[in-house]
Structures are given as C-alpha cells and as structure tokens.
Protein backbone atom coordinates (compact mmCIF):
# COMPACT_ATOMS: atom_id res chain seq x y z
CA MET A 1 -0.17 -0.05 -0.18
CA ALA A 2 1.60 3.50 -1.02
CA PHE A 3 0.78 7.01 -0.63
CA SER A 4 2.90 9.54 -2.29
CA GLY A 5 6.17 8.01 -1.35
CA ILE A 6 4.87 6.34 1.68
CA GLN A 7 4.67 2.68 1.66
CA LEU A 8 2.97 0.44 4.31
CA LYS A 9 3.58 -3.21 4.74
CA LEU A 10 1.94 -5.34 6.90
CA ASN A 11 4.32 -8.29 8.36
CA GLY A 12 1.68 -9.67 10.77
CA MET A 13 -2.05 -10.66 9.88
CA PRO A 14 -2.93 -9.81 6.13
CA LEU A 15 -5.08 -6.98 5.52
CA TRP A 16 -8.54 -8.59 5.04
CA GLY A 17 -8.37 -10.36 8.23
CA VAL A 18 -7.54 -6.83 9.71
CA ALA A 19 -10.77 -5.50 8.19
CA ILE A 20 -12.57 -8.44 9.62
CA LEU A 21 -11.38 -7.91 13.05
CA GLY A 22 -11.99 -4.16 12.59
CA VAL A 23 -15.94 -4.64 11.48
CA ALA A 24 -15.92 -7.13 14.50
CA ALA A 25 -14.31 -4.52 17.13
CA LEU A 26 -16.82 -1.93 15.72
CA ILE A 27 -19.99 -4.12 16.01
CA SER A 28 -18.73 -5.08 19.82
CA LEU A 29 -18.31 -0.92 20.82
CA ILE A 30 -22.02 -0.26 18.90
CA GLY A 31 -23.59 -3.43 21.73
CA TYR A 32 -21.48 -1.91 24.30
CA HIS A 33 -22.98 1.55 23.88
CA ARG A 34 -26.40 0.06 24.03
CA TYR A 35 -25.90 -1.98 27.08
CA LEU A 36 -24.57 1.25 28.66
CA VAL A 37 -27.60 3.00 27.58
CA ARG A 38 -29.84 0.28 28.83
CA ILE A 39 -28.41 0.53 32.13
CA GLU A 40 -28.69 4.06 32.42
CA PHE A 41 -24.89 4.48 32.63
CA GLU A 42 -24.10 8.21 33.33
CA LYS A 43 -21.00 9.66 31.28
CA ASN A 44 -20.53 6.74 29.39
CA THR A 45 -18.17 8.55 26.76
CA ALA A 46 -15.12 7.46 28.50
CA PRO A 47 -15.48 3.72 28.75
CA ILE A 48 -16.36 4.01 24.98
CA ILE A 49 -13.31 5.59 23.97
CA LEU A 50 -11.13 3.55 26.13
CA ARG A 51 -12.43 0.40 24.41
CA ALA A 52 -12.19 1.85 21.03
CA ALA A 53 -8.50 2.49 22.06
CA ALA A 54 -7.85 -1.19 23.24
CA PHE A 55 -9.32 -2.59 19.95
CA PHE A 56 -7.16 -0.07 18.08
CA ILE A 57 -3.98 -1.09 19.55
CA MET A 58 -4.60 -4.97 19.52
CA LEU A 59 -5.12 -4.47 15.66
CA ILE A 60 -1.87 -2.53 15.33
CA PHE A 61 -0.08 -5.37 17.01
CA LEU A 62 -1.78 -7.97 15.35
CA SER A 63 -1.23 -6.37 11.95
CA GLY A 64 2.56 -5.66 12.43
CA PRO A 65 2.63 -2.71 10.44
CA GLU A 66 6.07 -1.16 8.65
CA VAL A 67 6.20 2.41 7.04
CA HIS A 68 8.69 3.09 4.35
CA TYR A 69 9.50 6.63 3.08
CA ASP A 70 10.96 6.70 -0.38
CA GLY A 71 12.31 10.41 -0.94
CA ARG A 72 15.01 11.98 -2.49
CA ARG A 73 17.44 14.55 -1.52
CA ARG A 74 20.48 16.25 -3.18
CA VAL A 75 23.78 14.58 -2.32
CA GLU A 76 26.73 17.15 -2.30
CA LYS A 77 29.97 15.67 -4.35
CA LYS A 78 32.26 14.09 -2.02
CA THR A 79 35.55 12.45 -3.20
CA ALA A 80 38.07 9.96 -1.97
CA PHE A 81 41.73 9.42 -3.62
CA ILE A 82 43.23 5.90 -2.73
CA ILE A 83 47.09 5.99 -3.52
CA ASP A 84 48.44 2.46 -3.90
CA ASP A 85 51.63 2.66 -2.00
CA SER A 86 52.55 -1.41 -2.45
CA GLN A 87 56.02 -2.48 -2.98
CA SER A 88 55.16 -2.27 -6.99
CA MET A 89 54.44 1.31 -6.93
CA MET A 90 58.19 1.88 -6.03
CA LEU A 91 59.51 0.75 -9.46
CA SER A 92 60.53 3.54 -11.85
CA ASP A 93 59.70 2.22 -15.22
CA GLY A 94 63.14 3.55 -16.48
CA GLU A 95 61.95 6.99 -15.49
CA THR A 96 63.71 9.40 -12.93
CA THR A 97 60.78 9.03 -10.68
CA ASP A 98 58.88 5.86 -9.27
CA ARG A 99 55.29 4.97 -9.93
CA LEU A 100 54.40 6.27 -6.33
CA GLU A 101 56.24 9.72 -6.89
CA ARG A 102 54.30 10.05 -9.88
CA ALA A 103 51.03 9.20 -8.57
CA LEU A 104 51.37 11.45 -6.06
CA SER A 105 52.33 14.28 -8.59
CA ASP A 106 49.43 13.53 -10.58
CA ALA A 107 47.28 13.82 -7.35
CA GLY A 108 48.26 17.04 -6.46
CA VAL A 109 47.61 18.33 -9.55
CA ILE A 110 44.20 17.30 -9.59
CA LEU A 111 43.73 18.33 -6.01
CA LYS A 112 44.54 21.50 -7.19
CA LYS A 113 42.05 21.77 -9.73
CA TYR A 114 39.26 19.83 -8.30
CA GLY A 115 40.38 19.98 -4.34
CA ARG A 116 37.30 20.68 -2.70
CA ASP A 117 35.85 18.00 -0.26
CA VAL A 118 38.61 15.15 -0.99
CA SER A 119 39.58 12.58 1.35
CA LEU A 120 43.14 11.06 0.85
CA PHE A 121 43.63 7.67 1.80
CA ARG A 122 46.67 5.21 1.17
CA ALA A 123 46.04 1.47 0.47
CA SER A 124 47.70 -2.14 -0.04
CA GLU A 125 46.84 -4.61 2.17
CA ASP A 126 44.51 -2.55 4.32
CA ILE A 127 43.66 1.34 3.89
CA GLU A 128 43.99 4.10 6.29
CA PRO A 129 43.35 7.70 5.99
CA VAL A 130 46.15 10.30 5.35
CA GLY A 131 46.11 14.18 6.01
CA THR A 132 48.42 15.25 3.26
CA LEU A 133 50.07 13.91 -0.03
CA THR A 134 53.48 14.21 1.39
CA GLU A 135 52.75 12.15 4.76
CA LEU A 136 52.71 9.15 2.05
CA MET A 137 56.48 9.23 1.03
CA GLY A 138 58.72 7.08 3.15
CA LYS A 139 56.06 4.85 4.77
CA THR A 140 55.78 1.41 4.95
CA PRO A 141 53.23 -0.42 2.84
CA LEU A 142 50.00 -1.66 4.92
CA GLY A 143 50.71 -5.42 4.66
CA GLU A 144 52.79 -7.84 2.23
CA GLU A 145 50.04 -8.23 -0.53
CA THR A 146 48.03 -5.38 -2.89
CA LYS A 147 44.28 -5.77 -1.96
CA LEU A 148 43.56 -2.82 -3.55
CA ALA A 149 40.21 -3.49 -4.45
CA ALA A 150 39.07 -5.02 -1.34
CA ALA A 151 40.51 -2.47 0.92
CA ALA A 152 38.90 0.37 -1.00
CA THR A 153 35.39 -1.11 -0.33
CA LYS A 154 35.91 -0.59 3.54
CA LEU A 155 35.61 3.45 2.50
CA PRO A 156 32.16 3.71 4.39
CA TYR A 157 33.16 2.06 7.52
CA ILE A 158 36.41 4.20 8.08
CA THR A 159 34.88 7.52 7.69
CA GLY A 160 31.04 6.70 7.93
CA GLU A 161 30.71 9.22 5.15
CA PRO A 162 29.15 8.20 1.98
CA TYR A 163 31.39 9.11 -1.38
CA THR A 164 30.00 9.96 -4.75
CA ASP A 165 33.30 9.46 -6.45
CA VAL A 166 36.51 7.26 -5.56
CA VAL A 167 39.83 8.05 -7.65
CA ILE A 168 42.03 4.95 -7.51
CA PHE A 169 45.86 5.94 -8.34
CA SER A 170 47.74 2.46 -9.12
CA ASP A 171 49.55 0.25 -11.18
CA GLY A 172 46.58 -2.27 -11.00
CA ARG A 173 48.50 -5.31 -9.76
CA ASP A 174 45.75 -6.47 -7.04
CA THR A 175 46.27 -9.66 -5.50
CA SER A 176 42.96 -9.87 -3.36
CA GLY A 177 40.98 -11.26 -6.28
CA ALA A 178 38.12 -8.71 -5.38
CA THR A 179 36.80 -6.18 -7.76
CA PRO A 180 35.22 -2.50 -7.14
CA ASP A 181 32.07 -4.28 -8.32
CA ALA A 182 31.20 -4.09 -4.42
CA PHE A 183 30.93 -0.28 -4.52
CA PRO A 184 27.44 0.78 -4.52
CA SER A 185 26.10 1.81 -8.12
CA THR A 186 25.62 5.20 -6.93
CA VAL A 187 29.77 5.82 -6.35
CA ARG A 188 31.42 6.64 -9.62
CA ILE A 189 35.16 4.80 -9.92
CA HIS A 190 37.99 6.68 -11.58
CA ALA A 191 41.24 4.99 -12.44
CA VAL A 192 44.60 6.52 -13.03
CA GLY A 193 47.11 3.79 -14.19
CA TYR A 194 50.64 3.49 -13.84
CA GLY A 195 53.55 0.81 -15.10
CA PHE A 196 54.21 -0.63 -18.51
CA SER A 197 51.69 -1.42 -21.24
CA SER A 198 50.32 -4.59 -22.10
CA GLU A 199 52.47 -5.09 -25.04
CA GLU A 200 55.46 -5.17 -22.74
CA ALA A 201 56.94 -8.82 -21.96
CA ASN A 202 58.08 -8.60 -18.42
CA ALA A 203 58.52 -11.03 -15.72
CA GLY A 204 59.33 -9.76 -11.89
CA ILE A 205 59.05 -10.06 -8.38
CA LYS A 206 55.75 -8.23 -7.10
CA GLU A 207 56.21 -8.93 -3.35
CA LEU A 208 58.36 -10.66 -0.89
CA SER A 209 57.73 -11.39 2.41
CA ALA A 210 59.00 -13.11 5.47
CA PRO A 211 58.68 -13.07 9.25
CA GLU A 212 60.68 -10.32 11.09
CA PHE A 213 62.24 -12.84 13.77
CA ALA A 214 62.74 -16.59 13.79
CA LEU A 215 64.96 -19.20 15.66
CA VAL A 216 68.27 -20.96 14.76
CA ASP A 217 67.49 -24.06 13.02
CA THR A 218 63.82 -23.64 12.23
CA ASP A 219 61.93 -23.01 9.08
CA VAL A 220 61.44 -19.65 7.81
CA LYS A 221 58.53 -19.24 5.39
CA ILE A 222 59.54 -16.61 2.53
CA GLY A 223 56.75 -15.98 0.15
CA GLY A 224 55.75 -13.77 -2.35
CA TYR A 225 54.35 -13.34 -6.00
CA ILE A 226 55.75 -13.23 -9.44
CA TYR A 227 53.88 -11.52 -12.17
CA ALA A 228 54.38 -12.18 -15.84
CA ASN A 229 53.09 -10.24 -18.64
CA GLY A 230 53.21 -10.99 -22.54
CA LEU A 231 55.97 -13.97 -22.15
CA SER A 232 55.81 -16.84 -24.39
CA ALA A 233 53.25 -19.53 -23.81
CA GLY A 234 53.95 -22.66 -21.15
CA LYS A 235 57.32 -20.70 -19.93
CA LYS A 236 58.51 -21.48 -16.79
CA ALA A 237 60.22 -18.88 -14.29
CA GLY A 238 63.07 -19.61 -11.79
CA VAL A 239 63.00 -17.46 -8.37
CA GLU A 240 66.86 -18.00 -7.34
CA PHE A 241 67.35 -16.95 -3.39
CA TYR A 242 70.47 -15.71 -1.87
CA GLU A 243 71.84 -14.95 1.66
CA GLY A 244 73.83 -12.06 1.27
CA ASN A 245 75.77 -12.76 -1.96
CA GLY A 246 75.64 -16.37 -1.54
CA ARG A 247 72.77 -18.41 -3.66
CA ILE A 248 71.07 -20.54 -1.34
CA GLY A 249 68.40 -22.40 -3.38
CA ASN A 250 65.84 -22.27 -6.14
CA ILE A 251 62.43 -22.91 -7.43
CA MET A 252 60.77 -23.36 -10.71
CA ILE A 253 57.34 -21.83 -11.36
CA PRO A 254 55.23 -22.70 -14.46
CA LEU A 255 53.70 -19.48 -15.84
CA GLY A 256 50.70 -20.91 -17.60
CA ALA A 257 49.31 -21.26 -21.37
CA ASN A 258 49.27 -17.61 -22.16
CA GLY A 259 52.41 -16.43 -20.35
CA SER A 260 50.63 -13.94 -18.21
CA GLY A 261 49.29 -13.72 -14.81
CA LEU A 262 50.19 -13.45 -11.12
CA TYR A 263 51.66 -16.50 -9.31
CA HIS A 264 52.61 -17.24 -5.85
CA PHE A 265 55.45 -18.63 -4.38
CA GLU A 266 56.98 -20.11 -1.10
CA TYR A 267 60.41 -20.92 -0.36
CA ILE A 268 61.62 -22.49 3.31
CA TYR A 269 64.93 -21.08 4.60
CA LYS A 270 66.68 -22.44 7.85
CA SER A 271 69.65 -20.84 9.65
CA LYS A 272 72.17 -22.51 11.65
CA THR A 273 73.63 -18.96 12.90
CA GLN A 274 71.95 -15.88 14.79
CA GLY A 275 71.74 -12.03 13.34
CA LEU A 276 70.24 -10.09 11.09
CA LYS A 277 70.14 -12.18 7.42
CA THR A 278 69.47 -10.44 4.18
CA ILE A 279 67.44 -12.56 1.72
CA THR A 280 67.05 -11.80 -1.74
CA ALA A 281 64.75 -13.24 -4.33
CA LYS A 282 65.47 -12.91 -7.95
CA VAL A 283 63.28 -13.93 -10.96
CA LYS A 284 64.99 -15.59 -13.95
CA VAL A 285 63.03 -16.14 -17.46
CA GLU A 286 64.98 -16.87 -20.50
CA GLY A 287 64.86 -14.35 -23.20
CA ASP A 288 61.50 -12.48 -22.82
CA ASP A 289 62.08 -10.28 -19.94
CA ARG A 290 62.74 -6.75 -21.12
CA ILE A 291 62.82 -4.88 -17.89
CA PRO A 292 64.94 -6.44 -15.48
CA GLU A 293 64.62 -3.41 -12.70
CA ASP A 294 61.83 -5.50 -11.14
CA ASP A 295 63.47 -8.99 -11.23
CA GLU A 296 64.71 -9.02 -7.48
CA ARG A 297 63.43 -7.85 -4.05
CA THR A 298 65.23 -8.41 -0.51
CA VAL A 299 63.58 -9.16 3.05
CA PHE A 300 65.44 -8.93 6.28
CA VAL A 301 65.01 -11.71 9.10
CA ASN A 302 66.43 -11.29 12.62
CA ILE A 303 67.62 -14.80 13.55
CA LEU A 304 67.91 -15.28 17.22
CA THR A 305 68.90 -18.09 19.64
CA GLU A 306 65.99 -19.36 22.30
C-alpha cells in the first residue's frame, strides 16, 4: 500500500484479516454502547473511548505494520583519492621517478584544480586515511600484499561518510581477487594507471615477505608473488634465493598457457647462526624479460637463539 512516497507493509495479519477484526470490534463497540444506555450508565463516553483504543492497539499489534518513506534529496559531491603504496609502486619503469612519486604528483595536480571535499587514503593490503600527500613518502606499505580493490570497499566503514566519487591511483596489480563491483551503484570509480603497457614482455617479483624474527635452525617461510606479462606461452620462471651474496636455493614456477598472470611462491629458509639475515629473491626468465629492474626483492630476518 503506497501513498505519495509512503509505503505501508503489514508483516503480521493480512489486510483482509485486519478488516474483519475491525468490523467485529466496531459491532462490539456499538453493542457495548447500547448496553451502557440500557443500564442508564452516566458519562458513558469515557469507557467507549477506552475500549475503542484497546481494540485499535490490538489491531495494530496483530497487523505488524512497517512504514517506508521513499524520498529524494540532493547529495553533495564528495571524493576519495586512494593512493596505492604497495611494493610494485616503487618501480621507476626506466624514468627518473617511481610510480608512487608520479601518482602523488598527479594527485596533487588534480587536487589543486578540484580539491574541494576530497579525502586522502593510502592502501595496499589495508587502507587508512592520510592528512596530506607528502605523508605518504617513506611510509611502509600496509601489509605484504596488494588487496587494493578489497581495501577500497572499506571506505564507508572507515569514515562513515558516503562518497560520490572514488579515484584510484595504482599500477593495477591487485592480489585480492576482489573487484570494485562491491561499491554501490551510486559511486563513480575512476582509475589513474601506472606501469608498463600490456605489450611489454616482463616478469618480476611483485612482493616478497618473511617473518621479522625467527629462531636458529627452524624453518622460515619466505613468500611472494611473481607477475608475468606477455611472455611466451608455457614458459617457466625460476626464482633464485640469496643470503647476502651467496646463492642458497631456487624454485621453478610454471607461468601458464598464456604467459601472463600473477603466481604465488614459497621458499623454506633455515639458518644455523644468529644475526640479521638479508634474503634476496631474483626471478629468471629466458629471453623475453625486457625490464630487469623489477626482477629482485629483498627481505630481512633477525635470527635469534632461544
């Protein structure tokens, strides 16, 4: 039942049942009024009103009504800038500045022109607000992976404010498996991209992670991701591991039929001596890799005695 934007829904007794009870209540009130007149009860208005109110409350309770108001109001434009500060944004792509520096520069230009009601966030595995663009420089990424699309959907829970536009500055290498489809249809998504074009043949270490501390002579899991783009079909990538300058092992990873994608790897490291260890992973692909600058990453593990 709708009246000019107002919808009435009965979750209890159906409308026809309420109507029957209403007629029965009216007949009962009429009979009660006649009874009071017959016994010459003075000031019979009050008991009639009280009984009618009791019948009305009973009908409301039994019908279980819900009232919905469908109205429209103008929403002021509010924009969120999300800057991807994951490890892959530190690549320079052969230029004098890295991807993050170029993203911050582009965001600054846009802010200067359209800077009203813009909130700033940084995101990689998680997302957090920042006060200014310069705060991002030198910060450690929020986690070991790039779950940018999943992190971005947390915006309403972080601020409690609805955004009309979300601008994402990123190289697009997302490891969450999520997509921006989780955003409400009222939110416009804009993307500013960085990195190489899809035509460039490349393989690189996207991320590398390890525990900060471990014990002597215990297994230490070193994990990461290889990304491949435009390589020959069916090719394998080798990942070599070094402790300092000494090679300590390697693994082989099939890259799939199309030569492109994101591939997870793990390597078990064990040290018999204590101290801060420098572990480097280097990807090796025969022939095709034209961009060597992203082929290796390093982590540090502090080995302790019990």
